[in-house]
Amino acid sequence: MIERLVNIEKLGIRLSEESKERNARLDRIEENAKRIEELVKDITSQLLQESVRLNNRVDKQDEKLDKLEWRTRINSEDSA
């Protein structure tokens, strides 16, 4: 009977230790998930900024092309 109680107590201790280990692993997983979430937010923000920058460049290039086309049209009309 005493041996059985001792075994039950040892089992309880072992399960408690395993539970603490699992909880520690879960805590690390949660920390990593938060870090990943922050990294994804940072990357998204950087991508949005880069997209705006590229769109602005495209708009400027479009404006230059429009001016060039306009000048070419004016010059061809003057030549005609």
Foldseek 3Di string as FASTA:
>chain_A
DVVVVVVVVVVVVVVVVVVVVVVVVVVVVVVVVVVVVVVVVVVVVVVVVVVVVVVVVVVVVVVVVVVVVVVVVVVVVVVD
